Structure formats: C-alpha cells, structure tokens
Amino acid sequence: MYGWRGRIGLMVPTGNTVMEPEFARLAPEGVSVHANRVYLKEVSPEALLGMETDAARSAEQLTQCRLDVMCFGCTSGSFVGGVGYDARLIDIIENASGLPSTTTSTAVLRALRLLGISRVALATPYTDEVTEIEKRWLEDNGIEVTAWQGGGLVQTADIQECAPEVSYRRARAVDNDRAEAVFISCTGFRTIENLAKLEADLGKPVISSNQASFAECLRLMGVGQVQPGFGSLFERVFAERSDRGGETPSKQGIAAQ
C-alpha cells in the first residue's frame, strides 16, 4: 500500500507542474502525495481570490484517497486576502474534507517563527503588484521585508517553466546583511535543489514555499523524517517534535545538509 506511513492531499493551481514533483522528491519512504486541481489561469489578485470558490470541491474529491492531511498548495492564493485569509481557507477545506489541513502561507509563517526569523529578503516570480501584496502580508504578520524582487510573470505556465537557476539567482540578488533568512515564494517556482546550496553560500536559512508546505504536512501527520539535502528547516521541525516528547526523528531525516 502506498502511503502506509502517511498520505498527503495536495490542492494545486490548475497549471502547477512543480509542486507535485518537488513533494515527491522530499517524501521519505511510506509517505505518498495525491493531488487535485483548483482553477487558476493567471497570477493576478482577482484570479487568486477566485480560487476560494473551487477549494471545497477539490478537497471533497481528494477525500476518496483516504488521506491523513490536506494542503492548499498556493502561496499567493492563500495570502492575497490578507491576514487571516489562510485560516478562512483552512476552515473551508476542513469542513469539506474532515481532515487536518494547512495552506502554504500558513506553513511559511510557521517556518519563519520556528526558526526565530523576523526579517527576510523576499524573492518571487510574481508581478510587482502581487509581490507588494505579499510584502504587506508578511509585514502585517510581524515579518519585516528587508528587500524584494519579483519576476514580472502573470501566466502560471510561465512560472513553471523557470529553470532552477532563476530562483537561485533571484535569492542571491535580494539577500542583504539585515535579512535573517531568504524566502523564495511560489509553489510553481522550482527551488528545492538549490536550498542547501543557497544556505551554504549565504550562511543563513533559506525557505521555499514547497519546502515549508511539506514540513508542515509532516508535522501534522507526525512523521519525523524527510529525504536529506533540502535545507535546515526540517531539522528545526523535527527538533520541535522531539522537544515536545514526540517520536525521536530518524538520523536519516536530520543528516547534515
């Protein structure tokens, strides 16, 4: 049986071709990922807010997979409504599925707080309009944005086709001495193969949307392991579980990165 250790239900924008492969690369033995779509044609504030109307349908259909946790896998789609909008989406998904649920923006905020981060440099593929909405959202949640840079992309397909070096270079471009960490936003922006490299090169934590989302899914399922080599966030997530008396994390899951 696939998913004998835990099954993740993933709700992604219709054009997202990155989040599922990145989740699959992060998944340890026994954890499986099962996805459904939420309609999104372009990354604009109006279209992102429209995702809410399709969320319950997507969540309800996914319950046929007998999942353990549900994740709304869109960063901009879960912050565009401002502070507390992610909680509204979680209520919609949990009411439709009966499962513990999260959103990418919820997971990002938790990751930053776990690491004790209050100042970040922000790298995105979005237009300036959407990136500025994200900057305000982070700051309204108590996270100072020391610098930011978007990519000007509107069509979801264009974001998915960015090579991994695009997110790497943009993360390096926004980093500065005041930033305690770099956050690379968007579940359709390829990042995970560069996270450990960036941390080594910049000397600070680097968080991506997919990495934070997967870490939160593991936490909700009570799984203390991940494939090694994808950034330091997982070490902190697993350490917190151990501090609270949970299962001791596998050595494989917290191997040096």
C-alpha atoms as a PDB file:
ATOM      1  CA  MET A   1       0.000   0.000   0.000  1.00  0.00           C
ATOM      2  CA  TYR A   2       1.353   3.390  -0.969  1.00  0.00           C
ATOM      3  CA  GLY A   3       1.169   5.903   1.848  1.00  0.00           C
ATOM      4  CA  TRP A   4       1.275   3.392   4.701  1.00  0.00           C
ATOM      5  CA  ARG A   5       3.095   5.972   6.798  1.00  0.00           C
ATOM      6  CA  GLY A   6       1.000   8.942   5.725  1.00  0.00           C
ATOM      7  CA  ARG A   7      -0.887  10.318   2.734  1.00  0.00           C
ATOM      8  CA  ILE A   8      -0.824  13.984   1.789  1.00  0.00           C
ATOM      9  CA  GLY A   9      -3.666  15.520  -0.200  1.00  0.00           C
ATOM     10  CA  LEU A  10      -2.338  18.376  -2.282  1.00  0.00           C
ATOM     11  CA  MET A  11      -4.544  21.049  -3.842  1.00  0.00           C
ATOM     12  CA  VAL A  12      -2.619  22.954  -6.509  1.00  0.00           C
ATOM     13  CA  PRO A  13      -3.462  25.588  -9.152  1.00  0.00           C
ATOM     14  CA  THR A  14      -4.514  24.061 -12.449  1.00  0.00           C
ATOM     15  CA  GLY A  15      -1.268  24.944 -14.238  1.00  0.00           C
ATOM     16  CA  ASN A  16       1.127  23.982 -11.445  1.00  0.00           C
ATOM     17  CA  THR A  17       3.575  21.297 -12.613  1.00  0.00           C
ATOM     18  CA  VAL A  18       6.254  21.866  -9.962  1.00  0.00           C
ATOM     19  CA  MET A  19       4.775  21.229  -6.530  1.00  0.00           C
ATOM     20  CA  GLU A  20       3.931  17.545  -7.044  1.00  0.00           C
ATOM     21  CA  PRO A  21       7.420  16.582  -8.310  1.00  0.00           C
ATOM     22  CA  GLU A  22       9.081  18.564  -5.514  1.00  0.00           C
ATOM     23  CA  PHE A  23       6.882  16.929  -2.866  1.00  0.00           C
ATOM     24  CA  ALA A  24       7.724  13.530  -4.353  1.00  0.00           C
ATOM     25  CA  ARG A  25      11.452  14.287  -4.068  1.00  0.00           C
ATOM     26  CA  LEU A  26      11.045  15.335  -0.433  1.00  0.00           C
ATOM     27  CA  ALA A  27       8.909  12.371   0.607  1.00  0.00           C
ATOM     28  CA  PRO A  28      10.512   9.676   2.787  1.00  0.00           C
ATOM     29  CA  GLU A  29       9.616   6.017   2.411  1.00  0.00           C
ATOM     30  CA  GLY A  30       5.993   5.342   3.247  1.00  0.00           C
ATOM     31  CA  VAL A  31       4.695   8.863   2.554  1.00  0.00           C
ATOM     32  CA  SER A  32       2.669   9.407  -0.614  1.00  0.00           C
ATOM     33  CA  VAL A  33       1.303  12.538  -2.275  1.00  0.00           C
ATOM     34  CA  HIS A  34      -2.046  12.742  -4.097  1.00  0.00           C
ATOM     35  CA  ALA A  35      -3.065  15.906  -5.934  1.00  0.00           C
ATOM     36  CA  ASN A  36      -6.133  17.646  -7.284  1.00  0.00           C
ATOM     37  CA  ARG A  37      -6.519  20.975  -9.086  1.00  0.00           C
ATOM     38  CA  VAL A  38      -8.035  24.311  -8.081  1.00  0.00           C
ATOM     39  CA  TYR A  39      -8.816  26.550 -11.028  1.00  0.00           C
ATOM     40  CA  LEU A  40      -6.333  29.378 -11.681  1.00  0.00           C
ATOM     41  CA  LYS A  41      -5.480  30.825 -15.090  1.00  0.00           C
ATOM     42  CA  GLU A  42      -3.195  33.705 -14.114  1.00  0.00           C
ATOM     43  CA  VAL A  43      -1.472  35.076 -11.043  1.00  0.00           C
ATOM     44  CA  SER A  44      -3.468  38.255 -10.539  1.00  0.00           C
ATOM     45  CA  PRO A  45      -5.213  39.383  -7.327  1.00  0.00           C
ATOM     46  CA  GLU A  46      -8.678  38.854  -8.818  1.00  0.00           C
ATOM     47  CA  ALA A  47      -7.924  35.365 -10.142  1.00  0.00           C
ATOM     48  CA  LEU A  48      -6.212  34.323  -6.919  1.00  0.00           C
ATOM     49  CA  LEU A  49      -9.211  35.325  -4.816  1.00  0.00           C
ATOM     50  CA  GLY A  50     -11.399  33.294  -7.174  1.00  0.00           C
ATOM     51  CA  MET A  51      -9.615  30.081  -6.126  1.00  0.00           C
ATOM     52  CA  GLU A  52     -11.645  30.082  -2.925  1.00  0.00           C
ATOM     53  CA  THR A  53     -14.809  29.169  -4.841  1.00  0.00           C
ATOM     54  CA  ASP A  54     -13.229  25.934  -6.122  1.00  0.00           C
ATOM     55  CA  ALA A  55     -11.460  24.873  -2.925  1.00  0.00           C
ATOM     56  CA  ALA A  56     -14.279  22.871  -1.311  1.00  0.00           C
ATOM     57  CA  ARG A  57     -14.884  20.798  -4.459  1.00  0.00           C
ATOM     58  CA  SER A  58     -11.202  19.964  -4.804  1.00  0.00           C
ATOM     59  CA  ALA A  59     -10.904  18.996  -1.137  1.00  0.00           C
ATOM     60  CA  GLU A  60     -14.019  16.843  -1.146  1.00  0.00           C
ATOM     61  CA  GLN A  61     -12.862  14.903  -4.216  1.00  0.00           C
ATOM     62  CA  LEU A  62      -9.470  14.229  -2.622  1.00  0.00           C
ATOM     63  CA  THR A  63     -11.056  12.552   0.394  1.00  0.00           C
ATOM     64  CA  GLN A  64     -11.630   9.489  -1.805  1.00  0.00           C
ATOM     65  CA  CYS A  65      -7.874   8.835  -1.419  1.00  0.00           C
ATOM     66  CA  ARG A  66      -8.247   8.232   2.356  1.00  0.00           C
ATOM     67  CA  LEU A  67      -5.722  10.890   3.236  1.00  0.00           C
ATOM     68  CA  ASP A  68      -4.150  11.966   6.519  1.00  0.00           C
ATOM     69  CA  VAL A  69      -3.674  15.676   5.845  1.00  0.00           C
ATOM     70  CA  MET A  70      -4.688  18.264   3.255  1.00  0.00           C
ATOM     71  CA  CYS A  71      -2.616  21.170   1.909  1.00  0.00           C
ATOM     72  CA  PHE A  72      -3.806  24.133  -0.153  1.00  0.00           C
ATOM     73  CA  GLY A  73      -0.665  24.459  -2.239  1.00  0.00           C
ATOM     74  CA  CYS A  74      -0.643  28.038  -3.454  1.00  0.00           C
ATOM     75  CA  THR A  75       1.266  30.793  -1.682  1.00  0.00           C
ATOM     76  CA  SER A  76      -0.284  33.819  -3.362  1.00  0.00           C
ATOM     77  CA  GLY A  77      -3.730  32.199  -3.332  1.00  0.00           C
ATOM     78  CA  SER A  78      -3.562  31.895   0.450  1.00  0.00           C
ATOM     79  CA  PHE A  79      -2.125  35.338   1.304  1.00  0.00           C
ATOM     80  CA  VAL A  80      -3.967  37.508  -1.248  1.00  0.00           C
ATOM     81  CA  GLY A  81      -6.896  38.071   1.116  1.00  0.00           C
ATOM     82  CA  GLY A  82      -4.672  39.488   3.859  1.00  0.00           C
ATOM     83  CA  VAL A  83      -4.075  38.465   7.462  1.00  0.00           C
ATOM     84  CA  GLY A  84      -6.330  35.588   8.471  1.00  0.00           C
ATOM     85  CA  TYR A  85      -7.316  34.633   4.917  1.00  0.00           C
ATOM     86  CA  ASP A  86      -5.360  31.384   5.215  1.00  0.00           C
ATOM     87  CA  ALA A  87      -7.438  30.448   8.264  1.00  0.00           C
ATOM     88  CA  ARG A  88     -10.588  31.022   6.225  1.00  0.00           C
ATOM     89  CA  LEU A  89      -9.325  28.668   3.513  1.00  0.00           C
ATOM     90  CA  ILE A  90      -8.400  26.071   6.128  1.00  0.00           C
ATOM     91  CA  ASP A  91     -11.950  26.193   7.507  1.00  0.00           C
ATOM     92  CA  ILE A  92     -13.363  25.652   4.010  1.00  0.00           C
ATOM     93  CA  ILE A  93     -11.065  22.689   3.353  1.00  0.00           C
ATOM     94  CA  GLU A  94     -11.536  21.066   6.759  1.00  0.00           C
ATOM     95  CA  ASN A  95     -15.314  21.416   6.532  1.00  0.00           C
ATOM     96  CA  ALA A  96     -15.271  19.769   3.101  1.00  0.00           C
ATOM     97  CA  SER A  97     -12.799  17.007   3.962  1.00  0.00           C
ATOM     98  CA  GLY A  98     -12.944  16.412   7.719  1.00  0.00           C
ATOM     99  CA  LEU A  99      -9.124  16.323   7.717  1.00  0.00           C
ATOM    100  CA  PRO A 100      -6.436  18.439   9.407  1.00  0.00           C
ATOM    101  CA  SER A 101      -5.441  20.997   6.801  1.00  0.00           C
ATOM    102  CA  THR A 102      -2.981  23.768   6.091  1.00  0.00           C
ATOM    103  CA  THR A 103      -2.104  26.294   3.390  1.00  0.00           C
ATOM    104  CA  THR A 104       1.258  27.281   2.020  1.00  0.00           C
ATOM    105  CA  SER A 105       1.149  30.740   3.584  1.00  0.00           C
ATOM    106  CA  THR A 106       0.242  29.183   6.953  1.00  0.00           C
ATOM    107  CA  ALA A 107       3.227  26.849   6.616  1.00  0.00           C
ATOM    108  CA  VAL A 108       5.586  29.680   5.672  1.00  0.00           C
ATOM    109  CA  LEU A 109       4.650  31.739   8.725  1.00  0.00           C
ATOM    110  CA  ARG A 110       5.111  28.708  10.965  1.00  0.00           C
ATOM    111  CA  ALA A 111       8.517  28.003   9.425  1.00  0.00           C
ATOM    112  CA  LEU A 112       9.698  31.566   9.988  1.00  0.00           C
ATOM    113  CA  ARG A 113       8.534  31.501  13.596  1.00  0.00           C
ATOM    114  CA  LEU A 114      10.110  28.110  14.269  1.00  0.00           C
ATOM    115  CA  LEU A 115      13.439  29.498  13.063  1.00  0.00           C
ATOM    116  CA  GLY A 116      13.012  32.716  15.054  1.00  0.00           C
ATOM    117  CA  ILE A 117      13.082  34.830  11.900  1.00  0.00           C
ATOM    118  CA  SER A 118      11.686  38.375  11.975  1.00  0.00           C
ATOM    119  CA  ARG A 119      13.435  39.857   8.904  1.00  0.00           C
ATOM    120  CA  VAL A 120      13.502  38.275   5.440  1.00  0.00           C
ATOM    121  CA  ALA A 121      14.575  39.045   1.909  1.00  0.00           C
ATOM    122  CA  LEU A 122      11.788  38.036  -0.494  1.00  0.00           C
ATOM    123  CA  ALA A 123      12.261  36.511  -3.960  1.00  0.00           C
ATOM    124  CA  THR A 124       9.246  35.729  -6.178  1.00  0.00           C
ATOM    125  CA  PRO A 125       8.317  35.107  -9.816  1.00  0.00           C
ATOM    126  CA  TYR A 126       5.260  37.382  -9.460  1.00  0.00           C
ATOM    127  CA  THR A 127       4.444  40.815 -10.806  1.00  0.00           C
ATOM    128  CA  ASP A 128       5.376  43.776  -8.625  1.00  0.00           C
ATOM    129  CA  GLU A 129       1.690  44.168  -7.720  1.00  0.00           C
ATOM    130  CA  VAL A 130       1.397  40.652  -6.298  1.00  0.00           C
ATOM    131  CA  THR A 131       4.853  40.783  -4.673  1.00  0.00           C
ATOM    132  CA  GLU A 132       3.930  44.037  -2.922  1.00  0.00           C
ATOM    133  CA  ILE A 133       0.744  42.372  -1.611  1.00  0.00           C
ATOM    134  CA  GLU A 134       2.945  39.603  -0.218  1.00  0.00           C
ATOM    135  CA  LYS A 135       5.326  42.133   1.334  1.00  0.00           C
ATOM    136  CA  ARG A 136       2.416  43.835   3.121  1.00  0.00           C
ATOM    137  CA  TRP A 137       1.046  40.466   4.234  1.00  0.00           C
ATOM    138  CA  LEU A 138       4.391  39.427   5.726  1.00  0.00           C
ATOM    139  CA  GLU A 139       4.793  42.759   7.493  1.00  0.00           C
ATOM    140  CA  ASP A 140       1.221  42.655   8.810  1.00  0.00           C
ATOM    141  CA  ASN A 141       2.214  39.285  10.309  1.00  0.00           C
ATOM    142  CA  GLY A 142       5.254  40.808  12.031  1.00  0.00           C
ATOM    143  CA  ILE A 143       7.908  39.843   9.451  1.00  0.00           C
ATOM    144  CA  GLU A 144       9.966  42.754   8.094  1.00  0.00           C
ATOM    145  CA  VAL A 145      10.879  42.508   4.408  1.00  0.00           C
ATOM    146  CA  THR A 146      14.359  43.963   4.002  1.00  0.00           C
ATOM    147  CA  ALA A 147      14.394  43.678   0.187  1.00  0.00           C
ATOM    148  CA  TRP A 148      12.261  42.088  -2.508  1.00  0.00           C
ATOM    149  CA  GLN A 149      12.329  41.243  -6.175  1.00  0.00           C
ATOM    150  CA  GLY A 150       9.715  39.709  -8.447  1.00  0.00           C
ATOM    151  CA  GLY A 151       9.922  38.264 -11.927  1.00  0.00           C
ATOM    152  CA  GLY A 152       7.003  40.004 -13.605  1.00  0.00           C
ATOM    153  CA  LEU A 153       5.254  36.767 -14.571  1.00  0.00           C
ATOM    154  CA  VAL A 154       1.460  36.535 -14.805  1.00  0.00           C
ATOM    155  CA  GLN A 155       0.746  33.257 -16.599  1.00  0.00           C
ATOM    156  CA  THR A 156       1.088  30.204 -14.372  1.00  0.00           C
ATOM    157  CA  ALA A 157       2.662  28.210 -17.210  1.00  0.00           C
ATOM    158  CA  ASP A 158       5.488  30.758 -17.489  1.00  0.00           C
ATOM    159  CA  ILE A 159       6.315  30.396 -13.802  1.00  0.00           C
ATOM    160  CA  GLN A 160       6.503  26.605 -14.034  1.00  0.00           C
ATOM    161  CA  GLU A 161       8.984  26.814 -16.907  1.00  0.00           C
ATOM    162  CA  CYS A 162      11.577  28.847 -14.972  1.00  0.00           C
ATOM    163  CA  ALA A 163      14.783  26.831 -14.592  1.00  0.00           C
ATOM    164  CA  PRO A 164      16.070  26.201 -11.037  1.00  0.00           C
ATOM    165  CA  GLU A 165      18.905  28.701 -11.546  1.00  0.00           C
ATOM    166  CA  VAL A 166      16.326  31.509 -11.833  1.00  0.00           C
ATOM    167  CA  SER A 167      15.215  31.123  -8.209  1.00  0.00           C
ATOM    168  CA  TYR A 168      18.838  30.666  -7.117  1.00  0.00           C
ATOM    169  CA  ARG A 169      19.989  33.901  -8.755  1.00  0.00           C
ATOM    170  CA  ARG A 170      16.990  35.863  -7.522  1.00  0.00           C
ATOM    171  CA  ALA A 171      17.526  34.679  -3.952  1.00  0.00           C
ATOM    172  CA  ARG A 172      21.148  35.825  -4.101  1.00  0.00           C
ATOM    173  CA  ALA A 173      20.107  39.145  -5.625  1.00  0.00           C
ATOM    174  CA  VAL A 174      17.717  40.053  -2.791  1.00  0.00           C
ATOM    175  CA  ASP A 175      19.881  38.835   0.095  1.00  0.00           C
ATOM    176  CA  ASN A 176      21.390  41.529   2.306  1.00  0.00           C
ATOM    177  CA  ASP A 177      23.035  41.867   5.700  1.00  0.00           C
ATOM    178  CA  ARG A 178      19.826  42.809   7.510  1.00  0.00           C
ATOM    179  CA  ALA A 179      17.921  39.738   6.310  1.00  0.00           C
ATOM    180  CA  GLU A 180      17.979  36.842   8.787  1.00  0.00           C
ATOM    181  CA  ALA A 181      16.701  34.487   6.076  1.00  0.00           C
ATOM    182  CA  VAL A 182      15.686  34.429   2.438  1.00  0.00           C
ATOM    183  CA  PHE A 183      12.173  33.359   1.475  1.00  0.00           C
ATOM    184  CA  ILE A 184      11.568  32.152  -2.094  1.00  0.00           C
ATOM    185  CA  SER A 185       7.826  32.335  -2.706  1.00  0.00           C
ATOM    186  CA  CYS A 186       5.517  30.401  -5.073  1.00  0.00           C
ATOM    187  CA  THR A 187       4.753  26.688  -5.251  1.00  0.00           C
ATOM    188  CA  GLY A 188       5.270  26.773  -9.025  1.00  0.00           C
ATOM    189  CA  PHE A 189       8.811  28.197  -8.759  1.00  0.00           C
ATOM    190  CA  ARG A 190      11.490  25.471  -8.799  1.00  0.00           C
ATOM    191  CA  THR A 191      13.628  25.747  -5.690  1.00  0.00           C
ATOM    192  CA  ILE A 192      14.336  22.616  -3.683  1.00  0.00           C
ATOM    193  CA  GLU A 193      17.518  21.506  -5.456  1.00  0.00           C
ATOM    194  CA  ASN A 194      19.068  24.872  -4.560  1.00  0.00           C
ATOM    195  CA  LEU A 195      18.068  25.315  -0.917  1.00  0.00           C
ATOM    196  CA  ALA A 196      21.089  23.631   0.672  1.00  0.00           C
ATOM    197  CA  LYS A 197      23.397  25.329  -1.851  1.00  0.00           C
ATOM    198  CA  LEU A 198      21.942  28.730  -1.042  1.00  0.00           C
ATOM    199  CA  GLU A 199      22.239  28.154   2.696  1.00  0.00           C
ATOM    200  CA  ALA A 200      25.891  27.217   2.240  1.00  0.00           C
ATOM    201  CA  ASP A 201      26.560  30.217   0.005  1.00  0.00           C
ATOM    202  CA  LEU A 202      24.604  32.811   2.018  1.00  0.00           C
ATOM    203  CA  GLY A 203      25.254  31.491   5.514  1.00  0.00           C
ATOM    204  CA  LYS A 204      21.615  31.766   6.610  1.00  0.00           C
ATOM    205  CA  PRO A 205      18.340  29.818   6.383  1.00  0.00           C
ATOM    206  CA  VAL A 206      16.565  29.731   3.040  1.00  0.00           C
ATOM    207  CA  ILE A 207      12.882  28.821   2.956  1.00  0.00           C
ATOM    208  CA  SER A 208      10.780  27.998  -0.074  1.00  0.00           C
ATOM    209  CA  SER A 209       7.035  27.607  -0.402  1.00  0.00           C
ATOM    210  CA  ASN A 210       7.156  23.897  -1.216  1.00  0.00           C
ATOM    211  CA  GLN A 211       9.726  23.090   1.464  1.00  0.00           C
ATOM    212  CA  ALA A 212       7.668  24.876   4.150  1.00  0.00           C
ATOM    213  CA  SER A 213       4.434  23.245   2.957  1.00  0.00           C
ATOM    214  CA  PHE A 214       5.920  19.762   3.072  1.00  0.00           C
ATOM    215  CA  ALA A 215       7.451  20.367   6.505  1.00  0.00           C
ATOM    216  CA  GLU A 216       4.054  21.403   7.854  1.00  0.00           C
ATOM    217  CA  CYS A 217       2.368  18.340   6.343  1.00  0.00           C
ATOM    218  CA  LEU A 218       4.937  16.090   8.033  1.00  0.00           C
ATOM    219  CA  ARG A 219       4.353  17.869  11.340  1.00  0.00           C
ATOM    220  CA  LEU A 220       0.595  17.442  11.094  1.00  0.00           C
ATOM    221  CA  MET A 221       0.979  13.731  10.265  1.00  0.00           C
ATOM    222  CA  GLY A 222       3.584  13.131  12.965  1.00  0.00           C
ATOM    223  CA  VAL A 223       6.253  11.896  10.562  1.00  0.00           C
ATOM    224  CA  GLY A 224       9.786  12.757  11.686  1.00  0.00           C
ATOM    225  CA  GLN A 225      11.795  12.158   8.545  1.00  0.00           C
ATOM    226  CA  VAL A 226      12.485  13.678   5.141  1.00  0.00           C
ATOM    227  CA  GLN A 227      14.897  12.959   2.343  1.00  0.00           C
ATOM    228  CA  PRO A 228      18.203  14.667   3.270  1.00  0.00           C
ATOM    229  CA  GLY A 229      19.701  17.653   1.488  1.00  0.00           C
ATOM    230  CA  PHE A 230      16.809  20.117   1.255  1.00  0.00           C
ATOM    231  CA  GLY A 231      17.613  22.837   3.772  1.00  0.00           C
ATOM    232  CA  SER A 232      17.813  23.291   7.527  1.00  0.00           C
ATOM    233  CA  LEU A 233      14.105  23.927   8.171  1.00  0.00           C
ATOM    234  CA  PHE A 234      13.378  20.221   8.585  1.00  0.00           C
ATOM    235  CA  GLU A 235      15.942  19.923  11.376  1.00  0.00           C
ATOM    236  CA  ARG A 236      14.046  22.548  13.374  1.00  0.00           C
ATOM    237  CA  VAL A 237      10.642  20.971  12.683  1.00  0.00           C
ATOM    238  CA  PHE A 238      11.845  17.574  13.866  1.00  0.00           C
ATOM    239  CA  ALA A 239      13.685  19.054  16.853  1.00  0.00           C
ATOM    240  CA  GLU A 240      10.477  20.743  17.978  1.00  0.00           C
ATOM    241  CA  ARG A 241       8.647  17.426  17.874  1.00  0.00           C
ATOM    242  CA  SER A 242      11.396  15.822  19.925  1.00  0.00           C
ATOM    243  CA  ASP A 243      11.372  18.712  22.428  1.00  0.00           C
ATOM    244  CA  ARG A 244       7.668  18.161  22.931  1.00  0.00           C
ATOM    245  CA  GLY A 245       8.073  14.479  23.618  1.00  0.00           C
ATOM    246  CA  GLY A 246       7.227  13.196  20.163  1.00  0.00           C
ATOM    247  CA  GLU A 247       8.906  10.384  18.331  1.00  0.00           C
ATOM    248  CA  THR A 248      12.666  10.837  18.046  1.00  0.00           C
ATOM    249  CA  PRO A 249      13.480  11.883  14.462  1.00  0.00           C
ATOM    250  CA  SER A 250      15.326   9.430  12.267  1.00  0.00           C
ATOM    251  CA  LYS A 251      19.017  10.137  11.837  1.00  0.00           C
ATOM    252  CA  GLN A 252      18.472   9.926   8.103  1.00  0.00           C
ATOM    253  CA  GLY A 253      15.953  12.741   8.326  1.00  0.00           C
ATOM    254  CA  ILE A 254      18.322  15.140  10.057  1.00  0.00           C
ATOM    255  CA  ALA A 255      21.507  14.210   8.304  1.00  0.00           C
ATOM    256  CA  ALA A 256      23.945  17.032   7.723  1.00  0.00           C
ATOM    257  CA  GLN A 257      22.834  19.221   4.863  1.00  0.00           C
END
